[in-house]
Amino acid sequence: QVHLVESGGGLVPPGGSLRLSCTTSAFTLGNYWMYWIRQAPGKGLEWVAFVNVGGTAFHADSVLGRFTVYRDLGANTVYLQMHGLKPEDTATYFCAKDCSVSQGISCDMWGQGTQVTVSP
């Protein structure tokens, strides 16, 4: 049973923008640390951004200044706004709940993923 549902992926040219969404009807997102994690073809998992219970956002160096994670508590949705997309951003993007990212990545719950492809 899928509890986290992502949407918003697609094919965009370099420099383009996308906004990913993650929502659930199973729990209140604002009560948990919520993560965006990606996996590029042939590579391992990489945390991209997360937002803590207090609403403070954190971003990986690789996306700092280009991506923004934020919440809409009324809509029970977490977003990842992506600008200035690069081919190296091509990956499957997962929304996840309550992750440990210090040594490998493990999360309490994962979405099904949404594909982002950056190509001319």
C-alpha atoms as a PDB file:
ATOM      1  CA  GLN A   1       0.000   0.000   0.000  1.00  0.00           C
ATOM      2  CA  VAL A   2       1.467   3.345  -1.083  1.00  0.00           C
ATOM      3  CA  HIS A   3       1.125   6.083   1.515  1.00  0.00           C
ATOM      4  CA  LEU A   4       3.333   8.754  -0.053  1.00  0.00           C
ATOM      5  CA  VAL A   5       2.380   9.858  -3.540  1.00  0.00           C
ATOM      6  CA  GLU A   6       4.768  11.930  -5.639  1.00  0.00           C
ATOM      7  CA  SER A   7       3.936  13.809  -8.803  1.00  0.00           C
ATOM      8  CA  GLY A   8       5.356  16.495 -11.037  1.00  0.00           C
ATOM      9  CA  GLY A   9       8.245  14.756 -12.763  1.00  0.00           C
ATOM     10  CA  GLY A  10       8.869  14.984 -16.457  1.00  0.00           C
ATOM     11  CA  LEU A  11      11.251  15.835 -19.283  1.00  0.00           C
ATOM     12  CA  VAL A  12      12.728  19.322 -19.304  1.00  0.00           C
ATOM     13  CA  PRO A  13      15.620  20.976 -21.149  1.00  0.00           C
ATOM     14  CA  PRO A  14      18.706  22.153 -19.270  1.00  0.00           C
ATOM     15  CA  GLY A  15      17.935  25.312 -17.376  1.00  0.00           C
ATOM     16  CA  GLY A  16      14.300  24.389 -17.008  1.00  0.00           C
ATOM     17  CA  SER A  17      12.137  24.131 -13.909  1.00  0.00           C
ATOM     18  CA  LEU A  18       9.867  21.576 -12.331  1.00  0.00           C
ATOM     19  CA  ARG A  19       7.954  21.333  -9.095  1.00  0.00           C
ATOM     20  CA  LEU A  20       7.572  17.962  -7.441  1.00  0.00           C
ATOM     21  CA  SER A  21       4.781  17.291  -4.983  1.00  0.00           C
ATOM     22  CA  CYS A  22       4.419  14.699  -2.262  1.00  0.00           C
ATOM     23  CA  THR A  23       1.209  14.121  -0.389  1.00  0.00           C
ATOM     24  CA  THR A  24      -0.482  11.529   1.758  1.00  0.00           C
ATOM     25  CA  SER A  25      -3.807  10.855   3.381  1.00  0.00           C
ATOM     26  CA  ALA A  26      -2.255   8.490   5.921  1.00  0.00           C
ATOM     27  CA  PHE A  27      -0.670  10.970   8.348  1.00  0.00           C
ATOM     28  CA  THR A  28       0.136  14.643   8.919  1.00  0.00           C
ATOM     29  CA  LEU A  29       3.315  15.457   7.040  1.00  0.00           C
ATOM     30  CA  GLY A  30       4.105  18.383   9.310  1.00  0.00           C
ATOM     31  CA  ASN A  31       4.657  16.036  12.252  1.00  0.00           C
ATOM     32  CA  TYR A  32       7.631  14.388  10.613  1.00  0.00           C
ATOM     33  CA  TRP A  33      10.925  15.196   8.937  1.00  0.00           C
ATOM     34  CA  MET A  34      10.217  14.845   5.232  1.00  0.00           C
ATOM     35  CA  TYR A  35      12.903  14.173   2.654  1.00  0.00           C
ATOM     36  CA  TRP A  36      13.479  14.277  -1.067  1.00  0.00           C
ATOM     37  CA  ILE A  37      15.954  11.624  -2.151  1.00  0.00           C
ATOM     38  CA  ARG A  38      17.038  10.824  -5.678  1.00  0.00           C
ATOM     39  CA  GLN A  39      18.670   8.002  -7.518  1.00  0.00           C
ATOM     40  CA  ALA A  40      20.386   8.653 -10.822  1.00  0.00           C
ATOM     41  CA  PRO A  41      20.763   5.835 -13.346  1.00  0.00           C
ATOM     42  CA  GLY A  42      23.444   3.421 -12.187  1.00  0.00           C
ATOM     43  CA  LYS A  43      24.129   5.370  -8.994  1.00  0.00           C
ATOM     44  CA  GLY A  44      23.226   5.174  -5.345  1.00  0.00           C
ATOM     45  CA  LEU A  45      20.713   7.125  -3.340  1.00  0.00           C
ATOM     46  CA  GLU A  46      21.431  10.792  -2.665  1.00  0.00           C
ATOM     47  CA  TRP A  47      19.506  12.992  -0.269  1.00  0.00           C
ATOM     48  CA  VAL A  48      18.527  16.219  -1.977  1.00  0.00           C
ATOM     49  CA  ALA A  49      16.614  18.201   0.604  1.00  0.00           C
ATOM     50  CA  PHE A  50      14.575  17.850   3.748  1.00  0.00           C
ATOM     51  CA  VAL A  51      12.342  19.890   5.992  1.00  0.00           C
ATOM     52  CA  ASN A  52      12.111  19.331   9.723  1.00  0.00           C
ATOM     53  CA  VAL A  53       9.074  19.478  11.971  1.00  0.00           C
ATOM     54  CA  GLY A  54       9.674  23.155  12.650  1.00  0.00           C
ATOM     55  CA  GLY A  55       9.672  23.898   8.927  1.00  0.00           C
ATOM     56  CA  THR A  56      13.389  24.566   8.564  1.00  0.00           C
ATOM     57  CA  ALA A  57      14.683  23.428   5.193  1.00  0.00           C
ATOM     58  CA  PHE A  58      18.034  21.868   4.382  1.00  0.00           C
ATOM     59  CA  HIS A  59      19.509  21.325   0.926  1.00  0.00           C
ATOM     60  CA  ALA A  60      22.411  19.287  -0.385  1.00  0.00           C
ATOM     61  CA  ASP A  61      25.350  21.287  -1.724  1.00  0.00           C
ATOM     62  CA  SER A  62      24.699  19.899  -5.198  1.00  0.00           C
ATOM     63  CA  VAL A  63      21.315  21.649  -5.381  1.00  0.00           C
ATOM     64  CA  LEU A  64      21.802  24.626  -3.059  1.00  0.00           C
ATOM     65  CA  GLY A  65      20.519  27.779  -4.639  1.00  0.00           C
ATOM     66  CA  ARG A  66      18.605  25.884  -7.332  1.00  0.00           C
ATOM     67  CA  PHE A  67      16.164  23.672  -5.409  1.00  0.00           C
ATOM     68  CA  THR A  68      13.846  24.607  -2.575  1.00  0.00           C
ATOM     69  CA  VAL A  69      11.905  22.242  -0.329  1.00  0.00           C
ATOM     70  CA  TYR A  70       8.846  23.598   1.434  1.00  0.00           C
ATOM     71  CA  ARG A  71       5.541  22.515   2.920  1.00  0.00           C
ATOM     72  CA  ASP A  72       1.921  23.486   2.604  1.00  0.00           C
ATOM     73  CA  LEU A  73       0.485  22.215   5.868  1.00  0.00           C
ATOM     74  CA  GLY A  74      -3.062  23.009   4.818  1.00  0.00           C
ATOM     75  CA  ALA A  75      -2.669  20.813   1.768  1.00  0.00           C
ATOM     76  CA  ASN A  76      -0.605  18.234   3.689  1.00  0.00           C
ATOM     77  CA  THR A  77       1.924  18.400   0.882  1.00  0.00           C
ATOM     78  CA  VAL A  78       5.684  18.756   0.615  1.00  0.00           C
ATOM     79  CA  TYR A  79       7.135  20.315  -2.514  1.00  0.00           C
ATOM     80  CA  LEU A  80      10.497  20.382  -4.205  1.00  0.00           C
ATOM     81  CA  GLN A  81      10.795  23.407  -6.474  1.00  0.00           C
ATOM     82  CA  MET A  82      13.630  22.896  -8.932  1.00  0.00           C
ATOM     83  CA  HIS A  83      15.140  25.636 -11.075  1.00  0.00           C
ATOM     84  CA  GLY A  84      18.234  25.674 -13.254  1.00  0.00           C
ATOM     85  CA  LEU A  85      17.995  21.956 -13.903  1.00  0.00           C
ATOM     86  CA  LYS A  86      21.097  20.229 -15.206  1.00  0.00           C
ATOM     87  CA  PRO A  87      21.508  16.889 -16.998  1.00  0.00           C
ATOM     88  CA  GLU A  88      23.127  15.541 -13.829  1.00  0.00           C
ATOM     89  CA  ASP A  89      19.844  16.140 -11.999  1.00  0.00           C
ATOM     90  CA  THR A  90      18.305  13.358 -14.070  1.00  0.00           C
ATOM     91  CA  ALA A  91      17.080  10.776 -11.568  1.00  0.00           C
ATOM     92  CA  THR A  92      14.117   9.160  -9.950  1.00  0.00           C
ATOM     93  CA  TYR A  93      13.037  11.407  -7.104  1.00  0.00           C
ATOM     94  CA  PHE A  94      11.525   9.874  -4.001  1.00  0.00           C
ATOM     95  CA  CYS A  95       9.635  11.473  -1.186  1.00  0.00           C
ATOM     96  CA  ALA A  96      10.387   9.806   2.139  1.00  0.00           C
ATOM     97  CA  LYS A  97       9.583  10.123   5.807  1.00  0.00           C
ATOM     98  CA  ASP A  98      11.895  10.046   8.808  1.00  0.00           C
ATOM     99  CA  CYS A  99      15.214   9.173   7.186  1.00  0.00           C
ATOM    100  CA  SER A 100      18.691   8.510   8.460  1.00  0.00           C
ATOM    101  CA  VAL A 101      21.211   9.889   5.964  1.00  0.00           C
ATOM    102  CA  SER A 102      24.474   9.942   7.886  1.00  0.00           C
ATOM    103  CA  GLN A 103      25.649   6.446   6.911  1.00  0.00           C
ATOM    104  CA  GLY A 104      23.763   5.314   3.875  1.00  0.00           C
ATOM    105  CA  ILE A 105      20.105   6.211   3.554  1.00  0.00           C
ATOM    106  CA  SER A 106      17.261   4.469   5.285  1.00  0.00           C
ATOM    107  CA  CYS A 107      13.760   5.807   5.698  1.00  0.00           C
ATOM    108  CA  ASP A 108      10.656   4.864   7.568  1.00  0.00           C
ATOM    109  CA  MET A 109       8.458   5.240   4.486  1.00  0.00           C
ATOM    110  CA  TRP A 110       9.043   5.828   0.781  1.00  0.00           C
ATOM    111  CA  GLY A 111       6.936   7.006  -2.088  1.00  0.00           C
ATOM    112  CA  GLN A 112       6.918   5.272  -5.433  1.00  0.00           C
ATOM    113  CA  GLY A 113       9.147   7.875  -7.079  1.00  0.00           C
ATOM    114  CA  THR A 114       8.755  10.274  -9.959  1.00  0.00           C
ATOM    115  CA  GLN A 115      11.139  10.483 -12.903  1.00  0.00           C
ATOM    116  CA  VAL A 116      12.937  13.713 -13.743  1.00  0.00           C
ATOM    117  CA  THR A 117      14.847  13.786 -17.017  1.00  0.00           C
ATOM    118  CA  VAL A 118      16.901  16.803 -18.035  1.00  0.00           C
ATOM    119  CA  SER A 119      17.839  16.660 -21.688  1.00  0.00           C
ATOM    120  CA  PRO A 120      17.865  18.996 -24.709  1.00  0.00           C
END
